[in-house]
Amino acid sequence: MSEPLMDYDEAMERYDPVLGLEVHVELSTATKMFCACSNQFGDEPNTNTCPVCLGLPGALPVVNGSAVEAAIRIGLALNCQIAQWCRFARKNYFYPDMTKNFQTSQYDEPIAFDGSVEVELDGRPFAVPIERAHMEEDAGKLTHFGLSGRIQDADYSLIDYNRAGTPLIEIVTKPVFGAGADAPRVARAYVAMLRDLMKALGVSDVRMEQGSLRCDANVSLMPKGSVELGTRTETKNVNSLRSIERALTYEIRRQAAVLASGGKVRQETRHWHEEGFTSPGRSKEEAEDYRYFPEPDLPPVAPSREWVEQLRATLPEPPAERRKRLAAEWGFSALEMRDVVNADALDLVAETVEAGAGPQAARKWWMTDLARRANEAGVELAEVGVSPAQVAQLQELVEEGVVNDSLARKVLDGVVAGEGDPRQVVEARGLAVVSNDAVLEEAVEKAVAANADAAQKVRDGKQQAMGAIIGAVMRELGGKADAAKVRELIVKRL
């Protein structure tokens, strides 16, 4: 789909972007927000449903206490005030994937409000003001069957109600001013910060590709020098950090072209296409269009101040502060730490260090061999089949001289195959380094005899020729020789 676009740098010379970000976080509670149905992702469609989440007449909801607790902890982590009294409301809107045709949410009385967080961009802090964090339920999932898998060209759609009723926390910013040309990057950094924070809190698995964390990205443009907000668009359900940055960049260029041509930006929702553009959705409603009114079937939520303070005491170290502390403790450069964080390996490296491995060794295993295995298997790094404790034990075997790096990779094969911990695999597969001098000397003698030319070059002082003899010894012993010991014996022999 082609729409007129203005060059980004020109758009920044003429307009100031204003962001508004709405991030939906699916909570990892055992059950749904208002019923006892399982909240398990990936189950057979329409198996986790009941009269409450299907909206059948006479079915009454009950608030999930664990979801309320998670909402309070999230609010505290966002430096919000926690309401002493709040209640749910009905948001009336036609949802094809929510049978009761309204969403139970919070409107003018959210559980958390008036907060602020900082994100870091190129080493510079940028403050993002938080309007609110409120509780609500998710809708079901529509799957469209057609050429593209999108609703626009679908032949038909199927509905899975398993997700209907999943506990959601929606985190809404106030208008974000002053980001300038960095606005798309600020949005990306903010959502990345929320993802790390939710993971640290343990309230969500934050898998953006599965929709458990997704962003509605709002942006409007103000002519330079103006103080009047422009008309915003809302790009819905963007589910990757890269796409958030790309979608906002596109919208800024598109809106700038509309305004420069004398047109008016239409207040609407937009759909993001991974090919690199947005397309119109529906006209964006105002709050009054939803006909909010208090939910009559649910009592107010009134968390005591004592409970709130108890929950405050459970908050983890902020992720940004933790990264700085660990980088200093481990001696990691900024680049090394960035790569570990981007690979989602920080917790894995930390647990490996806690299990006894050195930081650089832990980083090496997770960022090389194990990252390659995860990539080849198409799984997350944490799902590769090796635990941090096992990685630490493997490194211990290397440092003890029980295995060399080559054998260690074969040990990993056994661990991934479910054959036990590294020491058990070494014993079962016979992978220990050969340390018997007599066996090594016999292999060296054979290698020298088979590589007479290389042996003579070594005698003549050409040490690089020793590689051929070492290689022959390694082949003879199936890679189980200590290369340093073999070199020592060759020098002695020649």
Protein backbone atom coordinates (compact mmCIF):
# COMPACT_ATOMS: atom_id res chain seq x y z
CA MET A 1 0.00 0.00 0.00
CA SER A 2 1.56 3.32 -1.06
CA GLU A 3 0.85 6.66 0.65
CA PRO A 4 2.76 9.96 0.27
CA LEU A 5 5.64 10.16 2.75
CA MET A 6 7.86 13.06 3.74
CA ASP A 7 11.58 12.57 4.27
CA TYR A 8 12.08 11.94 8.00
CA ASP A 9 14.70 14.67 8.50
CA GLU A 10 12.47 17.21 6.75
CA ALA A 11 9.52 16.15 8.91
CA MET A 12 11.63 16.76 12.02
CA GLU A 13 12.57 20.24 10.78
CA ARG A 14 8.89 21.16 10.41
CA TYR A 15 7.08 19.26 13.18
CA ASP A 16 7.45 18.07 16.78
CA PRO A 17 6.14 14.53 17.43
CA VAL A 18 4.11 13.79 20.56
CA LEU A 19 3.90 10.16 21.69
CA GLY A 20 1.26 8.29 23.63
CA LEU A 21 1.96 4.64 24.40
CA GLU A 22 -0.52 2.06 25.65
CA VAL A 23 1.13 -1.21 26.60
CA HIS A 24 -0.96 -4.31 27.37
CA VAL A 25 0.63 -6.90 29.64
CA GLU A 26 -0.96 -10.34 29.93
CA LEU A 27 -0.46 -11.64 33.46
CA SER A 28 0.87 -15.15 34.07
CA THR A 29 -1.75 -16.04 36.67
CA ALA A 30 -2.95 -19.62 36.90
CA THR A 31 -6.54 -18.63 36.13
CA LYS A 32 -8.38 -15.89 34.25
CA MET A 33 -9.33 -12.46 35.53
CA PHE A 34 -12.90 -13.18 36.59
CA CYS A 35 -13.31 -16.97 36.53
CA ALA A 36 -11.49 -20.18 37.43
CA CYS A 37 -10.65 -21.21 33.84
CA SER A 38 -7.03 -22.07 33.11
CA ASN A 39 -4.88 -19.22 31.81
CA GLN A 40 -2.52 -21.59 29.96
CA PHE A 41 -1.26 -20.42 26.56
CA GLY A 42 -1.33 -22.81 23.63
CA ASP A 43 -4.04 -25.24 24.76
CA GLU A 44 -6.53 -26.65 22.25
CA PRO A 45 -8.89 -23.88 21.07
CA ASN A 46 -12.03 -23.29 23.13
CA THR A 47 -11.11 -25.76 25.88
CA ASN A 48 -10.52 -23.20 28.66
CA THR A 49 -13.96 -21.63 28.82
CA CYS A 50 -16.90 -21.43 31.18
CA PRO A 51 -20.21 -19.53 31.47
CA VAL A 52 -18.43 -16.50 32.98
CA CYS A 53 -15.81 -15.92 30.27
CA LEU A 54 -18.34 -16.85 27.58
CA GLY A 55 -20.73 -14.22 28.95
CA LEU A 56 -23.68 -16.57 29.42
CA PRO A 57 -26.77 -15.12 31.16
CA GLY A 58 -26.70 -15.33 34.94
CA ALA A 59 -22.96 -16.06 35.21
CA LEU A 60 -21.28 -13.85 37.81
CA PRO A 61 -17.60 -12.81 37.83
CA VAL A 62 -15.19 -12.98 40.78
CA VAL A 63 -11.99 -10.91 40.86
CA ASN A 64 -8.67 -12.79 40.67
CA GLY A 65 -6.73 -11.79 43.79
CA SER A 66 -3.36 -12.68 42.27
CA ALA A 67 -4.07 -10.31 39.38
CA VAL A 68 -4.85 -7.47 41.82
CA GLU A 69 -1.58 -8.16 43.63
CA ALA A 70 0.34 -8.10 40.33
CA ALA A 71 -1.36 -4.82 39.36
CA ILE A 72 -0.29 -3.18 42.61
CA ARG A 73 3.32 -4.38 42.24
CA ILE A 74 3.41 -3.09 38.66
CA GLY A 75 2.02 0.26 39.78
CA LEU A 76 4.62 0.55 42.52
CA ALA A 77 7.43 -0.35 40.12
CA LEU A 78 6.22 2.46 37.83
CA ASN A 79 6.37 4.90 40.78
CA CYS A 80 2.60 5.28 40.69
CA GLN A 81 0.20 6.13 43.46
CA ILE A 82 -1.98 3.16 44.45
CA ALA A 83 -5.68 3.89 44.80
CA GLN A 84 -7.20 3.37 48.22
CA TRP A 85 -10.50 2.54 46.52
CA CYS A 86 -11.22 1.72 42.89
CA ARG A 87 -13.74 -0.22 40.88
CA PHE A 88 -14.33 -1.92 37.55
CA ALA A 89 -16.42 -0.57 34.69
CA ARG A 90 -18.10 -1.94 31.60
CA LYS A 91 -16.62 -0.73 28.33
CA ASN A 92 -19.37 -1.21 25.78
CA TYR A 93 -18.10 -2.06 22.35
CA PHE A 94 -18.77 -4.77 19.78
CA TYR A 95 -16.05 -7.39 20.18
CA PRO A 96 -16.51 -10.36 17.82
CA ASP A 97 -14.17 -12.34 20.05
CA MET A 98 -15.87 -11.45 23.36
CA THR A 99 -19.36 -12.86 23.52
CA LYS A 100 -20.79 -10.55 26.17
CA ASN A 101 -20.10 -7.50 23.92
CA PHE A 102 -18.46 -5.45 26.63
CA GLN A 103 -15.08 -5.52 28.27
CA THR A 104 -14.72 -5.45 32.03
CA SER A 105 -12.05 -2.79 32.55
CA GLN A 106 -11.36 0.26 34.69
CA TYR A 107 -12.21 3.76 33.54
CA ASP A 108 -12.01 6.81 35.79
CA GLU A 109 -10.83 4.89 38.86
CA PRO A 110 -7.68 2.91 37.96
CA ILE A 111 -5.79 0.97 40.59
CA ALA A 112 -2.51 2.83 39.85
CA PHE A 113 -2.01 6.36 38.55
CA ASP A 114 0.36 9.33 38.23
CA GLY A 115 3.74 7.65 37.87
CA SER A 116 6.98 8.21 36.00
CA VAL A 117 9.87 6.11 34.70
CA GLU A 118 13.18 6.80 33.00
CA VAL A 119 14.59 5.16 29.92
CA GLU A 120 18.15 5.45 28.66
CA LEU A 121 18.99 6.47 25.13
CA ASP A 122 22.64 6.63 24.10
CA GLY A 123 23.58 7.02 27.75
CA ARG A 124 21.10 9.87 28.29
CA PRO A 125 18.07 9.55 30.61
CA PHE A 126 14.63 10.41 29.24
CA ALA A 127 11.60 10.70 31.52
CA VAL A 128 8.32 9.09 30.47
CA PRO A 129 5.27 10.17 32.51
CA ILE A 130 2.72 7.47 33.37
CA GLU A 131 -0.97 8.37 33.36
CA ARG A 132 -2.32 5.08 34.76
CA ALA A 133 -2.03 1.33 35.00
CA HIS A 134 -5.40 -0.37 35.17
CA MET A 135 -6.83 -3.88 35.28
CA GLU A 136 -8.97 -5.40 32.57
CA GLU A 137 -9.61 -8.63 30.66
CA ASP A 138 -8.36 -9.66 27.25
CA ALA A 139 -10.58 -10.62 24.33
CA GLY A 140 -10.44 -13.93 22.47
CA LYS A 141 -8.30 -14.61 19.43
CA LEU A 142 -9.45 -14.33 15.81
CA THR A 143 -7.65 -16.36 13.15
CA HIS A 144 -8.28 -15.20 9.60
CA PHE A 145 -8.09 -17.66 6.70
CA GLY A 146 -7.21 -16.20 3.31
CA LEU A 147 -4.29 -15.22 1.14
CA SER A 148 -2.46 -13.10 3.70
CA GLY A 149 -3.95 -14.26 7.00
CA ARG A 150 -5.32 -10.75 7.54
CA ILE A 151 -8.94 -9.77 7.94
CA GLN A 152 -8.87 -7.64 4.77
CA ASP A 153 -8.81 -10.60 2.38
CA ALA A 154 -10.04 -13.40 4.65
CA ASP A 155 -12.52 -15.97 3.30
CA TYR A 156 -13.61 -16.74 6.85
CA SER A 157 -12.43 -16.36 10.44
CA LEU A 158 -12.39 -18.68 13.44
CA ILE A 159 -12.58 -17.64 17.08
CA ASP A 160 -10.68 -19.15 20.00
CA TYR A 161 -12.21 -18.03 23.31
CA ASN A 162 -9.39 -19.45 25.46
CA ARG A 163 -7.81 -16.00 25.73
CA ALA A 164 -11.11 -14.26 26.54
CA GLY A 165 -10.87 -13.21 30.18
CA THR A 166 -7.06 -13.36 30.45
CA PRO A 167 -5.92 -10.82 33.07
CA LEU A 168 -4.46 -7.69 31.49
CA ILE A 169 -2.71 -4.66 32.88
CA GLU A 170 -2.84 -1.69 30.53
CA ILE A 171 -0.10 0.87 31.14
CA VAL A 172 -0.87 4.26 29.60
CA THR A 173 1.55 7.17 29.32
CA LYS A 174 0.70 10.82 29.46
CA PRO A 175 1.59 12.73 26.27
CA VAL A 176 5.34 12.37 25.82
CA PHE A 177 6.89 15.65 24.65
CA GLY A 178 10.44 16.59 23.77
CA ALA A 179 11.72 13.41 22.15
CA GLY A 180 12.15 15.11 18.77
CA ALA A 181 13.75 12.96 16.08
CA ASP A 182 14.42 10.28 18.72
CA ALA A 183 10.68 9.71 19.34
CA PRO A 184 10.53 6.24 17.68
CA ARG A 185 13.68 5.17 19.54
CA VAL A 186 12.32 6.49 22.85
CA ALA A 187 9.16 4.43 22.31
CA ARG A 188 11.23 1.34 21.59
CA ALA A 189 13.42 1.90 24.65
CA TYR A 190 10.35 2.45 26.84
CA VAL A 191 8.64 -0.78 25.78
CA ALA A 192 11.93 -2.66 26.16
CA MET A 193 12.22 -1.25 29.68
CA LEU A 194 8.66 -2.38 30.49
CA ARG A 195 9.38 -5.83 29.11
CA ASP A 196 12.44 -6.17 31.35
CA LEU A 197 10.56 -4.77 34.34
CA MET A 198 7.58 -7.13 33.96
CA LYS A 199 9.95 -10.07 33.65
CA ALA A 200 11.86 -8.99 36.76
CA LEU A 201 8.58 -8.67 38.67
CA GLY A 202 7.64 -12.20 37.57
CA VAL A 203 4.14 -11.13 36.54
CA SER A 204 4.28 -12.03 32.82
CA ASP A 205 6.36 -14.05 30.37
CA VAL A 206 6.34 -10.90 28.15
CA ARG A 207 6.61 -12.89 24.92
CA MET A 208 5.79 -10.24 22.38
CA GLU A 209 5.60 -12.77 19.53
CA GLN A 210 2.78 -14.54 21.43
CA GLY A 211 0.99 -11.29 22.26
CA SER A 212 1.56 -11.38 26.01
CA LEU A 213 3.05 -7.90 25.72
CA ARG A 214 1.91 -5.62 22.92
CA CYS A 215 1.84 -1.91 22.28
CA ASP A 216 -0.70 0.51 20.84
CA ALA A 217 1.51 3.34 19.57
CA ASN A 218 -0.09 6.80 19.37
CA VAL A 219 1.61 9.74 17.68
CA SER A 220 0.62 13.23 16.58
CA LEU A 221 2.56 16.14 15.08
CA MET A 222 2.69 19.78 16.17
CA PRO A 223 4.07 22.43 13.81
CA LYS A 224 7.32 23.86 15.17
CA GLY A 225 6.52 26.61 17.68
CA SER A 226 2.93 25.47 18.22
CA VAL A 227 1.57 24.48 21.63
CA GLU A 228 -1.63 22.89 20.32
CA LEU A 229 -1.65 19.11 20.08
CA GLY A 230 -2.22 17.63 16.65
CA THR A 231 -4.63 14.84 15.73
CA ARG A 232 -3.29 11.46 16.74
CA THR A 233 -3.41 8.04 15.18
CA GLU A 234 -3.14 4.78 17.09
CA THR A 235 -1.25 1.89 15.53
CA LYS A 236 -2.73 -1.18 17.20
CA ASN A 237 -1.14 -4.28 18.71
CA VAL A 238 2.45 -3.84 17.55
CA ASN A 239 4.25 -6.88 18.89
CA SER A 240 7.99 -6.37 18.46
CA LEU A 241 10.42 -3.68 19.54
CA ARG A 242 11.71 -3.21 16.00
CA SER A 243 8.18 -2.84 14.65
CA ILE A 244 7.30 -0.19 17.25
CA GLU A 245 10.18 1.96 16.02
CA ARG A 246 9.39 1.33 12.36
CA ALA A 247 5.64 1.93 12.72
CA LEU A 248 6.11 5.27 14.47
CA THR A 249 8.73 6.39 11.94
CA TYR A 250 6.30 5.58 9.13
CA GLU A 251 3.39 7.37 10.82
CA ILE A 252 5.47 10.49 11.43
CA ARG A 253 6.47 10.60 7.76
CA ARG A 254 2.90 9.91 6.61
CA GLN A 255 1.28 12.51 8.87
CA ALA A 256 3.89 15.09 7.93
CA ALA A 257 3.09 14.57 4.24
CA VAL A 258 -0.65 14.95 4.94
CA LEU A 259 -0.18 18.19 6.89
CA ALA A 260 2.30 19.67 4.42
CA SER A 261 -0.16 19.15 1.57
CA GLY A 262 -2.84 21.09 3.43
CA GLY A 263 -4.77 18.00 4.53
CA LYS A 264 -5.96 16.94 7.97
CA VAL A 265 -4.84 13.85 9.83
CA ARG A 266 -7.79 11.58 10.54
CA GLN A 267 -8.14 10.34 14.11
CA GLU A 268 -8.19 6.59 13.58
CA THR A 269 -6.64 3.29 14.44
CA ARG A 270 -4.01 1.94 12.06
CA HIS A 271 -2.77 -1.58 11.35
CA TRP A 272 0.97 -2.24 11.12
CA HIS A 273 2.22 -4.41 8.25
CA GLU A 274 5.65 -5.99 8.57
CA GLU A 275 6.34 -5.01 4.97
CA GLY A 276 6.87 -1.54 6.41
CA PHE A 277 3.66 0.47 6.36
CA THR A 278 0.43 1.16 8.27
CA SER A 279 -3.09 1.03 6.86
CA PRO A 280 -6.37 2.55 8.11
CA GLY A 281 -8.48 0.65 10.61
CA ARG A 282 -11.51 2.32 12.12
CA SER A 283 -12.32 5.81 13.28
CA LYS A 284 -10.95 6.24 16.78
CA GLU A 285 -13.63 6.50 19.43
CA GLU A 286 -13.58 8.91 22.33
CA ALA A 287 -14.22 7.70 25.87
CA GLU A 288 -17.88 8.72 25.79
CA ASP A 289 -18.46 6.46 22.79
CA TYR A 290 -17.83 3.42 24.97
CA ARG A 291 -20.68 4.31 27.37
CA TYR A 292 -18.66 3.36 30.44
CA PHE A 293 -20.63 2.64 33.59
CA PRO A 294 -19.66 0.94 36.88
CA GLU A 295 -19.66 -2.86 36.77
CA PRO A 296 -22.64 -3.86 38.94
CA ASP A 297 -21.53 -7.46 39.51
CA LEU A 298 -18.13 -6.73 41.07
CA PRO A 299 -17.37 -5.04 44.42
CA PRO A 300 -14.83 -2.20 44.62
CA VAL A 301 -11.16 -3.03 45.20
CA ALA A 302 -9.77 -1.32 48.31
CA PRO A 303 -6.18 -2.43 49.05
CA SER A 304 -5.09 -1.58 52.57
CA ARG A 305 -2.01 0.58 53.01
CA GLU A 306 -0.38 -2.23 55.00
CA TRP A 307 -0.79 -4.65 52.09
CA VAL A 308 0.55 -2.10 49.61
CA GLU A 309 3.68 -1.60 51.73
CA GLN A 310 4.14 -5.36 52.06
CA LEU A 311 4.03 -5.62 48.28
CA ARG A 312 6.45 -2.71 47.92
CA ALA A 313 8.97 -4.72 49.92
CA THR A 314 8.81 -7.52 47.30
CA LEU A 315 9.90 -5.31 44.39
CA PRO A 316 13.10 -6.48 42.67
CA GLU A 317 16.12 -4.35 41.88
CA PRO A 318 15.24 -2.18 38.86
CA PRO A 319 16.56 -3.88 35.70
CA ALA A 320 18.69 -0.91 34.58
CA GLU A 321 20.39 -0.66 37.97
CA ARG A 322 20.91 -4.43 38.03
CA ARG A 323 22.58 -4.37 34.61
CA LYS A 324 24.97 -1.62 35.69
CA ARG A 325 25.84 -3.46 38.90
CA LEU A 326 26.44 -6.79 37.18
CA ALA A 327 28.52 -5.22 34.39
CA ALA A 328 30.77 -3.67 37.04
CA GLU A 329 30.99 -6.90 39.07
CA TRP A 330 31.70 -9.05 36.02
CA GLY A 331 34.04 -6.63 34.29
CA PHE A 332 31.92 -6.61 31.12
CA SER A 333 32.32 -3.85 28.59
CA ALA A 334 29.25 -1.89 27.52
CA LEU A 335 29.25 -3.85 24.24
CA GLU A 336 29.48 -7.22 25.98
CA MET A 337 26.61 -6.37 28.32
CA ARG A 338 24.50 -5.02 25.46
CA ASP A 339 24.97 -8.25 23.49
CA VAL A 340 24.05 -10.38 26.52
CA VAL A 341 20.90 -8.31 27.16
CA ASN A 342 19.87 -8.34 23.48
CA ALA A 343 20.25 -12.13 23.41
CA ASP A 344 17.97 -12.40 26.48
CA ALA A 345 20.84 -14.16 28.23
CA LEU A 346 21.36 -11.92 31.26
CA ASP A 347 19.50 -14.11 33.76
CA LEU A 348 21.11 -17.25 32.32
CA VAL A 349 24.61 -15.81 32.65
CA ALA A 350 23.83 -14.56 36.17
CA GLU A 351 22.57 -17.97 37.29
CA THR A 352 25.61 -19.66 35.72
CA VAL A 353 27.92 -17.31 37.64
CA GLU A 354 25.97 -17.99 40.84
CA ALA A 355 26.51 -21.71 40.20
CA GLY A 356 30.29 -21.20 40.22
CA ALA A 357 31.42 -20.30 36.71
CA GLY A 358 33.47 -17.23 35.87
CA PRO A 359 31.51 -14.40 34.18
CA GLN A 360 33.47 -14.48 30.91
CA ALA A 361 33.22 -18.27 30.67
CA ALA A 362 29.48 -18.13 31.36
CA ARG A 363 29.04 -15.45 28.70
CA LYS A 364 31.09 -17.46 26.20
CA TRP A 365 28.99 -20.63 26.51
CA TRP A 366 25.60 -18.88 26.33
CA MET A 367 26.54 -16.47 23.55
CA THR A 368 28.29 -19.00 21.28
CA ASP A 369 27.56 -22.74 21.38
CA LEU A 370 24.26 -22.53 23.21
CA ALA A 371 23.00 -19.54 21.19
CA ARG A 372 23.80 -21.44 17.99
CA ARG A 373 21.92 -24.50 19.21
CA ALA A 374 18.89 -22.41 20.17
CA ASN A 375 18.91 -20.71 16.79
CA GLU A 376 19.14 -24.01 14.92
CA ALA A 377 16.30 -25.50 16.99
CA GLY A 378 14.17 -22.37 16.65
CA VAL A 379 13.69 -22.04 20.42
CA GLU A 380 14.41 -19.44 23.08
CA LEU A 381 17.86 -19.62 24.66
CA ALA A 382 16.37 -20.67 28.00
CA GLU A 383 14.65 -23.61 26.24
CA VAL A 384 17.77 -25.08 24.64
CA GLY A 385 17.86 -27.98 27.11
CA VAL A 386 20.85 -27.01 29.28
CA SER A 387 20.55 -25.38 32.71
CA PRO A 388 22.88 -22.71 34.13
CA ALA A 389 24.05 -25.20 36.77
CA GLN A 390 24.99 -27.66 34.02
CA VAL A 391 26.91 -24.97 32.13
CA ALA A 392 28.82 -24.15 35.31
CA GLN A 393 29.63 -27.84 35.83
CA LEU A 394 30.81 -28.13 32.23
CA GLN A 395 33.16 -25.17 32.67
CA GLU A 396 34.44 -26.77 35.86
CA LEU A 397 35.32 -29.91 33.88
CA VAL A 398 37.22 -27.79 31.35
CA GLU A 399 39.17 -26.00 34.08
CA GLU A 400 39.97 -29.31 35.79
CA GLY A 401 41.39 -30.60 32.51
CA VAL A 402 38.86 -33.44 32.41
CA VAL A 403 37.69 -32.29 28.96
CA ASN A 404 38.97 -29.79 26.42
CA ASP A 405 36.79 -27.33 24.51
CA SER A 406 36.21 -29.77 21.66
CA LEU A 407 35.13 -32.55 24.00
CA ALA A 408 33.02 -30.11 26.00
CA ARG A 409 30.86 -29.53 22.92
CA LYS A 410 30.30 -33.29 22.66
CA VAL A 411 29.34 -33.27 26.36
CA LEU A 412 26.74 -30.62 25.55
CA ASP A 413 25.31 -32.96 22.90
CA GLY A 414 24.72 -35.54 25.61
CA VAL A 415 23.21 -33.05 28.06
CA VAL A 416 20.81 -31.74 25.41
CA ALA A 417 19.91 -35.34 24.54
CA GLY A 418 18.82 -35.88 28.16
CA GLU A 419 21.68 -38.15 29.18
CA GLY A 420 22.28 -36.39 32.49
CA ASP A 421 24.61 -33.76 33.90
CA PRO A 422 28.00 -33.11 32.25
CA ARG A 423 29.97 -35.40 34.59
CA GLN A 424 27.53 -38.23 33.92
CA VAL A 425 27.81 -37.68 30.16
CA VAL A 426 31.62 -37.67 30.31
CA GLU A 427 31.60 -41.02 32.12
CA ALA A 428 28.88 -42.62 30.00
CA ARG A 429 30.38 -41.52 26.65
CA GLY A 430 34.03 -41.90 27.68
CA LEU A 431 34.83 -38.30 26.80
CA ALA A 432 37.54 -37.58 29.36
CA VAL A 433 40.87 -36.27 28.10
CA VAL A 434 43.58 -38.96 27.79
CA SER A 435 46.15 -38.18 30.50
CA ASN A 436 48.17 -41.42 30.49
CA ASP A 437 51.73 -40.49 29.42
CA ALA A 438 52.41 -43.89 27.91
CA VAL A 439 49.33 -43.69 25.68
CA LEU A 440 50.19 -40.15 24.64
CA GLU A 441 53.84 -41.01 23.92
CA GLU A 442 52.79 -43.94 21.75
CA ALA A 443 50.43 -41.70 19.76
CA VAL A 444 53.16 -39.07 19.37
CA GLU A 445 55.60 -41.71 18.11
CA LYS A 446 53.09 -42.82 15.46
CA ALA A 447 52.37 -39.25 14.41
CA VAL A 448 56.08 -38.38 14.08
CA ALA A 449 56.70 -41.47 11.98
CA ALA A 450 53.73 -40.71 9.72
CA ASN A 451 54.72 -37.05 9.28
CA ALA A 452 58.47 -37.25 8.72
CA ASP A 453 58.64 -34.04 6.67
CA ALA A 454 56.86 -32.04 9.37
CA ALA A 455 59.08 -33.61 12.04
CA GLN A 456 62.23 -32.53 10.19
CA LYS A 457 60.90 -28.98 9.83
CA VAL A 458 60.31 -28.89 13.60
CA ARG A 459 63.89 -30.07 14.15
CA ASP A 460 64.99 -27.25 11.87
CA GLY A 461 63.23 -24.75 14.08
CA LYS A 462 59.97 -24.27 12.15
CA GLN A 463 57.54 -24.56 15.05
CA GLN A 464 54.44 -23.97 12.91
CA ALA A 465 55.04 -27.38 11.32
CA MET A 466 54.15 -28.97 14.66
CA GLY A 467 50.42 -28.45 13.90
CA ALA A 468 50.35 -31.39 11.49
CA ILE A 469 51.79 -33.73 14.13
CA ILE A 470 49.44 -32.47 16.86
CA GLY A 471 46.49 -32.96 14.49
CA ALA A 472 47.58 -36.55 13.79
CA VAL A 473 47.77 -37.28 17.53
CA MET A 474 44.31 -35.82 18.04
CA ARG A 475 42.86 -37.98 15.28
CA GLU A 476 44.55 -41.04 16.73
CA LEU A 477 43.00 -40.39 20.15
CA GLY A 478 39.60 -39.20 18.95
CA GLY A 479 40.21 -35.62 20.03
CA LYS A 480 40.72 -36.67 23.64
CA ALA A 481 44.30 -35.50 24.05
CA ASP A 482 45.44 -32.40 25.91
CA ALA A 483 46.95 -30.31 23.10
CA ALA A 484 49.41 -28.56 25.44
CA LYS A 485 50.63 -31.89 26.81
CA VAL A 486 50.93 -33.30 23.29
CA ARG A 487 53.02 -30.29 22.21
CA GLU A 488 55.29 -30.80 25.19
CA LEU A 489 55.83 -34.46 24.32
CA ILE A 490 56.55 -33.65 20.64
CA VAL A 491 59.17 -31.07 21.66
CA LYS A 492 60.75 -33.64 23.95
CA ARG A 493 60.69 -36.30 21.20
CA LEU A 494 62.18 -34.07 18.49
